[in-house]
């Protein structure tokens, strides 16, 4: 009996009795339950914090996605190009006017006074001849001037042309212009002399190189000493 009381006394000393309003004794079942409840509450608070943070992150993500969706996509949107005005090059219109022919240089330039002398001499020598005969006389005067290196007015004196100076006809003027201005010829040979056999006989003329006879005149080129 005393042993039983002694064990009870040791138990009471080992586990002090809980008084009203005091915390559970260390190592008791009640204290363990309290700790588990505290841990559970802490986990609940942590989970709430995580959920709140997740909700905030999700909200921010949705907001950013919404902004990105509303923003115009510059990559797919082509900037309208500004059309440059077309440059039209117009070539100058071709002239419909026929260009005036340039005047060729004269075969042998004649001053007004020289032309007058030549025309009058040709008129005196062949005024009654054909246009071809008038050209041949003008050709003799031209060849004589070039051979002697003088003006035609001097050549007619050297070769002793007629001394009369009648007024020339238009046909004579045209013949002189054809020979001296345009360089036209009746024959290619350089005729220098002529005479009218109906008026005079001339063995000297016949000793030269005969070229052509037109109308009443016979025309000759000069025979060189070698010939």
Protein backbone atom coordinates (compact mmCIF):
# COMPACT_ATOMS: atom_id res chain seq x y z
CA UNK A 1 0.00 0.00 0.00
CA UNK A 2 2.78 2.37 0.89
CA UNK A 3 4.58 1.41 -2.28
CA UNK A 4 1.56 2.40 -4.31
CA UNK A 5 1.36 5.75 -2.63
CA UNK A 6 5.04 6.36 -3.22
CA UNK A 7 4.68 5.69 -7.00
CA UNK A 8 1.76 8.04 -7.15
CA UNK A 9 3.77 10.68 -5.34
CA UNK A 10 6.66 10.35 -7.83
CA UNK A 11 4.22 10.61 -10.75
CA UNK A 12 2.76 13.73 -9.29
CA UNK A 13 6.20 15.23 -8.88
CA UNK A 14 7.20 14.29 -12.42
CA UNK A 15 4.04 15.78 -14.00
CA UNK A 16 3.02 18.94 -12.21
CA UNK A 17 -0.68 19.60 -12.27
CA UNK A 18 -1.97 22.21 -14.82
CA UNK A 19 -3.43 25.22 -13.20
CA UNK A 20 -6.17 27.32 -14.72
CA UNK A 21 -4.86 29.89 -17.19
CA UNK A 22 -1.39 28.37 -17.41
CA UNK A 23 0.37 26.89 -20.52
CA UNK A 24 0.40 23.12 -20.97
CA UNK A 25 3.28 21.39 -19.35
CA UNK A 26 6.36 20.63 -21.46
CA UNK A 27 6.11 17.26 -23.23
CA UNK A 28 2.37 16.99 -22.76
CA UNK A 29 -0.04 15.94 -25.56
CA UNK A 30 -1.83 19.25 -25.43
CA UNK A 31 1.40 21.14 -26.12
CA UNK A 32 2.10 18.96 -29.16
CA UNK A 33 -1.34 19.63 -30.59
CA UNK A 34 -0.86 23.35 -30.06
CA UNK A 35 2.42 23.29 -31.93
CA UNK A 36 0.85 21.42 -34.84
CA UNK A 37 -1.95 23.98 -35.05
CA UNK A 38 0.54 26.83 -35.10
CA UNK A 39 2.50 25.16 -37.91
CA UNK A 40 -0.71 24.60 -39.86
CA UNK A 41 -1.68 28.27 -39.47
CA UNK A 42 1.79 29.30 -40.61
CA UNK A 43 1.53 27.10 -43.69
CA UNK A 44 -1.91 28.52 -44.43
CA UNK A 45 -0.51 32.07 -44.21
CA UNK A 46 2.38 31.14 -46.49
CA UNK A 47 0.02 29.55 -48.98
CA UNK A 48 -2.14 32.67 -48.90
CA UNK A 49 0.91 34.80 -49.54
CA UNK A 50 1.96 32.57 -52.45
CA UNK A 51 -1.54 32.64 -53.90
CA UNK A 52 -1.67 36.41 -53.63
CA UNK A 53 1.73 36.73 -55.30
CA UNK A 54 0.67 34.32 -58.05
CA UNK A 55 -2.49 36.32 -58.59
CA UNK A 56 -0.49 39.55 -58.86
CA UNK A 57 1.96 37.99 -61.33
CA UNK A 58 -0.92 36.59 -63.39
CA UNK A 59 -2.60 39.99 -63.41
CA UNK A 60 0.57 41.75 -64.50
CA UNK A 61 1.13 39.14 -67.23
CA UNK A 62 -2.39 39.58 -68.55
CA UNK A 63 -2.01 43.38 -68.53
CA UNK A 64 1.27 43.21 -70.47
CA UNK A 65 -0.25 40.75 -72.95
CA UNK A 66 -3.23 43.03 -73.44
CA UNK A 67 -1.00 46.03 -74.11
CA UNK A 68 1.13 44.06 -76.55
CA UNK A 69 -1.99 42.89 -78.38
CA UNK A 70 -3.41 46.41 -78.72
CA UNK A 71 -0.08 47.86 -79.97
CA UNK A 72 0.13 47.95 -83.83
CA UNK A 73 2.59 45.46 -85.19
CA UNK A 74 5.27 47.45 -86.94
CA UNK A 75 6.87 44.36 -88.38
CA UNK A 76 3.85 43.38 -90.46
CA UNK A 77 2.69 46.89 -91.23
CA UNK A 78 4.32 48.30 -94.32
CA UNK A 79 4.98 51.97 -94.34
CA UNK A 80 3.19 53.43 -97.33
CA UNK A 81 5.75 54.50 -99.86
CA UNK A 82 5.65 57.97 -101.26
CA UNK A 83 5.39 57.74 -105.01
CA UNK A 84 7.99 59.84 -106.72
CA UNK A 85 6.75 61.84 -109.67
CA UNK A 86 7.69 60.24 -112.96
CA UNK A 87 10.45 62.01 -114.81
CA UNK A 88 9.51 62.44 -118.43
CA UNK A 89 12.39 63.22 -120.75
CA UNK A 90 11.20 64.80 -123.92
CA UNK A 91 13.49 64.92 -126.89
CA UNK A 92 13.47 68.15 -128.81
CA UNK A 93 11.15 67.96 -131.73
CA UNK A 94 12.88 67.42 -134.99
CA UNK A 95 12.97 70.52 -137.06
CA UNK A 96 10.73 70.36 -140.07
CA UNK A 97 12.65 73.09 -141.79
CA UNK A 98 15.08 72.00 -144.44
CA UNK A 99 18.54 73.29 -143.52
CA UNK A 100 19.83 75.81 -145.95
CA UNK A 101 22.67 74.37 -148.02
CA UNK A 102 26.00 75.90 -147.22
CA UNK A 103 27.53 77.73 -150.11
CA UNK A 104 30.62 75.99 -151.44
CA UNK A 105 33.71 78.11 -151.84
CA UNK A 106 34.16 79.63 -155.28
CA UNK A 107 36.42 77.86 -157.75
CA UNK A 108 38.17 81.17 -158.37
CA UNK A 109 37.08 84.24 -156.41
CA UNK A 110 36.15 87.23 -158.53
CA UNK A 111 35.74 90.71 -157.18
CA UNK A 112 32.99 92.82 -158.73
CA UNK A 113 35.42 94.63 -161.02
CA UNK A 114 37.17 91.41 -162.08
CA UNK A 115 33.84 89.74 -162.78
CA UNK A 116 32.79 92.64 -164.93
CA UNK A 117 35.99 92.39 -167.01
CA UNK A 118 35.62 88.62 -167.54
CA UNK A 119 31.94 88.88 -168.49
CA UNK A 120 32.64 91.64 -171.03
CA UNK A 121 35.58 89.76 -172.60
CA UNK A 122 33.52 86.56 -172.91
CA UNK A 123 30.73 88.63 -174.44
CA UNK A 124 33.16 90.16 -176.98
CA UNK A 125 34.68 86.78 -177.92
CA UNK A 126 31.58 84.53 -177.89
CA UNK A 127 28.46 86.58 -177.36
CA UNK A 128 26.89 85.00 -180.44
CA UNK A 129 27.94 81.46 -179.56
CA UNK A 130 26.09 78.82 -177.58
CA UNK A 131 26.17 78.62 -173.79
CA UNK A 132 28.74 75.81 -174.09
CA UNK A 133 30.93 77.98 -176.36
CA UNK A 134 30.71 80.85 -173.84
CA UNK A 135 31.75 78.49 -171.02
CA UNK A 136 34.77 77.34 -173.06
CA UNK A 137 36.00 80.92 -173.49
CA UNK A 138 35.54 81.54 -169.76
CA UNK A 139 37.43 78.30 -169.09
CA UNK A 140 40.37 79.51 -171.23
CA UNK A 141 40.52 82.76 -169.21
CA UNK A 142 40.43 80.85 -165.90
CA UNK A 143 43.19 78.42 -166.94
CA UNK A 144 45.36 81.31 -168.19
CA UNK A 145 44.97 83.23 -164.88
CA UNK A 146 45.89 80.15 -162.83
CA UNK A 147 48.82 79.26 -165.11
CA UNK A 148 50.28 82.75 -164.90
CA UNK A 149 49.31 83.26 -161.25
CA UNK A 150 47.53 86.54 -162.03
CA UNK A 151 44.06 88.02 -161.96
CA UNK A 152 41.79 87.39 -165.00
CA UNK A 153 42.01 91.09 -166.02
CA UNK A 154 45.76 90.60 -166.43
CA UNK A 155 45.42 87.21 -168.13
CA UNK A 156 43.27 88.64 -170.95
CA UNK A 157 46.06 91.14 -171.67
CA UNK A 158 48.77 88.46 -171.64
CA UNK A 159 46.85 86.19 -174.01
CA UNK A 160 45.70 89.15 -176.16
CA UNK A 161 41.93 88.77 -175.96
CA UNK A 162 39.63 91.14 -177.83
CA UNK A 163 39.87 94.73 -176.73
CA UNK A 164 36.12 95.43 -177.02
CA UNK A 165 34.07 95.41 -173.79
CA UNK A 166 30.37 95.10 -174.71
CA UNK A 167 27.67 94.70 -172.07
CA UNK A 168 27.22 90.98 -171.27
CA UNK A 169 23.98 89.07 -171.66
CA UNK A 170 22.48 86.92 -168.93
CA UNK A 171 23.70 83.81 -170.73
CA UNK A 172 27.30 85.12 -170.58
CA UNK A 173 26.92 85.99 -166.88
CA UNK A 174 25.64 82.50 -166.17
CA UNK A 175 28.51 80.91 -168.11
CA UNK A 176 31.12 82.93 -166.17
CA UNK A 177 29.47 82.02 -162.84
CA UNK A 178 29.38 78.33 -163.78
CA UNK A 179 33.13 78.26 -164.53
CA UNK A 180 34.58 80.64 -161.91
CA UNK A 181 32.10 80.14 -159.04
CA UNK A 182 31.00 76.52 -159.32
CA UNK A 183 34.04 75.09 -161.11
CA UNK A 184 32.07 73.57 -163.98
CA UNK A 185 33.92 72.69 -167.19
CA UNK A 186 33.04 71.64 -170.71
CA UNK A 187 36.21 69.59 -171.18
CA UNK A 188 38.73 68.18 -168.74
CA UNK A 189 41.74 69.32 -170.72
CA UNK A 190 43.26 72.67 -169.66
CA UNK A 191 42.29 74.64 -172.74
CA UNK A 192 44.18 77.91 -173.12
CA UNK A 193 43.84 79.01 -176.76
CA UNK A 194 41.09 79.35 -179.33
CA UNK A 195 40.55 81.02 -182.68
CA UNK A 196 37.89 81.35 -185.36
CA UNK A 197 39.13 79.76 -188.64
CA UNK A 198 36.36 81.54 -190.55
CA UNK A 199 37.98 84.85 -189.73
CA UNK A 200 41.68 84.07 -189.56
CA UNK A 201 44.11 81.27 -190.33
CA UNK A 202 46.58 80.31 -187.60
CA UNK A 203 49.25 77.67 -188.04
CA UNK A 204 50.49 78.40 -184.52
CA UNK A 205 47.11 77.51 -182.97
CA UNK A 206 47.01 74.34 -185.02
CA UNK A 207 50.46 73.44 -183.73
CA UNK A 208 48.99 73.15 -180.22
CA UNK A 209 46.94 70.22 -178.91
CA UNK A 210 43.50 70.37 -180.44
CA UNK A 211 40.73 69.61 -177.95
CA UNK A 212 37.31 70.58 -179.26
CA UNK A 213 35.46 72.73 -181.79
CA UNK A 214 32.23 74.41 -180.76
CA UNK A 215 30.38 76.80 -183.00
CA UNK A 216 32.90 78.90 -184.90
CA UNK A 217 35.79 78.34 -182.46
CA UNK A 218 38.49 75.71 -182.18
CA UNK A 219 40.01 75.20 -178.72
CA UNK A 220 43.51 74.00 -177.90
CA UNK A 221 45.58 72.96 -174.90
CA UNK A 222 49.19 74.05 -174.74
CA UNK A 223 51.77 71.72 -176.24
CA UNK A 224 54.87 71.41 -174.10
CA UNK A 225 58.41 71.29 -175.53
CA UNK A 226 58.60 67.57 -174.74
CA UNK A 227 55.53 66.94 -176.85
